[in-house]
Amino acid sequence: MAADCDPLEVVMTLPPLCEDKSVPYCFVESKAVLGRACGIKRPIVACAITFKEGSYLQSQILELKDKLEQLLI
């Protein structure tokens, strides 16, 4: 989620939902950075990372999830 979202209330409902479902989340510094990380030119306020079992990206996604969880501790 983008920390520079205005108004911030647009994304503030997401953290409690993530915590209820044990889904890791994090904030990034800006909408522009998040958009670039998602491979698009427009700024975005939130995104989700999903994968299918057996996906070739599964190991990278799980590694990223573990790193995010360590940051939250």
Protein backbone atom coordinates (compact mmCIF):
# COMPACT_ATOMS: atom_id res chain seq x y z
CA MET A 1 0.00 0.00 0.00
CA ALA A 2 1.20 3.51 -0.76
CA ALA A 3 1.95 5.68 2.26
CA ASP A 4 1.31 8.87 0.28
CA CYS A 5 -2.27 7.96 -0.59
CA ASP A 6 -4.58 10.96 -0.16
CA PRO A 7 -6.79 10.59 1.72
CA LEU A 8 -5.05 7.82 3.63
CA GLU A 9 -8.44 6.43 4.64
CA VAL A 10 -8.69 4.93 1.15
CA VAL A 11 -6.28 2.15 2.17
CA MET A 12 -6.63 2.17 5.97
CA THR A 13 -9.39 -0.45 5.89
CA LEU A 14 -6.95 -2.96 4.37
CA PRO A 15 -4.50 -3.54 7.30
CA PRO A 16 -7.21 -4.77 9.73
CA LEU A 17 -8.55 -7.11 7.03
CA CYS A 18 -5.06 -8.43 6.33
CA GLU A 19 -4.42 -8.98 10.04
CA ASP A 20 -7.75 -10.81 10.48
CA LYS A 21 -6.83 -13.17 7.62
CA SER A 22 -3.11 -13.49 8.56
CA VAL A 23 -2.07 -11.91 5.26
CA PRO A 24 1.24 -10.02 5.40
CA TYR A 25 1.20 -6.43 4.11
CA CYS A 26 3.50 -3.45 3.97
CA PHE A 27 3.53 0.21 3.05
CA VAL A 28 5.83 1.66 0.41
CA GLU A 29 6.86 5.29 0.22
CA SER A 30 4.83 6.39 -2.78
CA LYS A 31 2.12 5.57 -5.31
CA ALA A 32 4.61 6.07 -8.14
CA VAL A 33 7.05 3.54 -6.67
CA LEU A 34 4.26 0.99 -6.21
CA GLY A 35 3.08 1.50 -9.79
CA ARG A 36 6.59 0.96 -11.15
CA ALA A 37 7.01 -2.16 -8.99
CA CYS A 38 3.83 -3.53 -10.57
CA GLY A 39 5.15 -2.82 -14.04
CA ILE A 40 2.78 0.01 -14.94
CA LYS A 41 3.36 3.71 -15.56
CA ARG A 42 0.44 5.00 -13.46
CA PRO A 43 0.66 5.52 -9.71
CA ILE A 44 -1.42 3.05 -7.67
CA VAL A 45 -2.41 2.96 -4.00
CA ALA A 46 -2.53 -0.81 -3.38
CA CYS A 47 -1.78 -4.14 -5.01
CA ALA A 48 -1.87 -7.82 -4.14
CA ILE A 49 0.58 -10.60 -4.95
CA THR A 50 -1.03 -13.94 -5.71
CA PHE A 51 0.26 -17.20 -7.14
CA LYS A 52 -0.87 -20.66 -8.13
CA GLU A 53 0.58 -23.80 -6.63
CA GLY A 54 3.40 -24.98 -8.85
CA SER A 55 4.01 -21.52 -10.35
CA TYR A 56 7.59 -20.83 -11.37
CA LEU A 57 7.40 -17.66 -9.21
CA GLN A 58 6.19 -19.52 -6.11
CA SER A 59 9.61 -19.79 -4.45
CA GLN A 60 10.38 -16.09 -5.02
CA ILE A 61 6.98 -15.02 -3.67
CA LEU A 62 7.33 -17.19 -0.57
CA GLU A 63 10.83 -15.82 0.02
CA LEU A 64 9.50 -12.25 -0.23
CA LYS A 65 6.64 -13.13 2.15
CA ASP A 66 9.14 -14.48 4.70
CA LYS A 67 11.24 -11.32 4.45
CA LEU A 68 8.17 -9.11 4.95
CA GLU A 69 7.09 -11.12 7.98
CA GLN A 70 10.57 -10.69 9.50
CA LEU A 71 10.30 -6.93 9.03
CA LEU A 72 6.98 -6.89 10.85
CA ILE A 73 8.38 -8.66 13.93
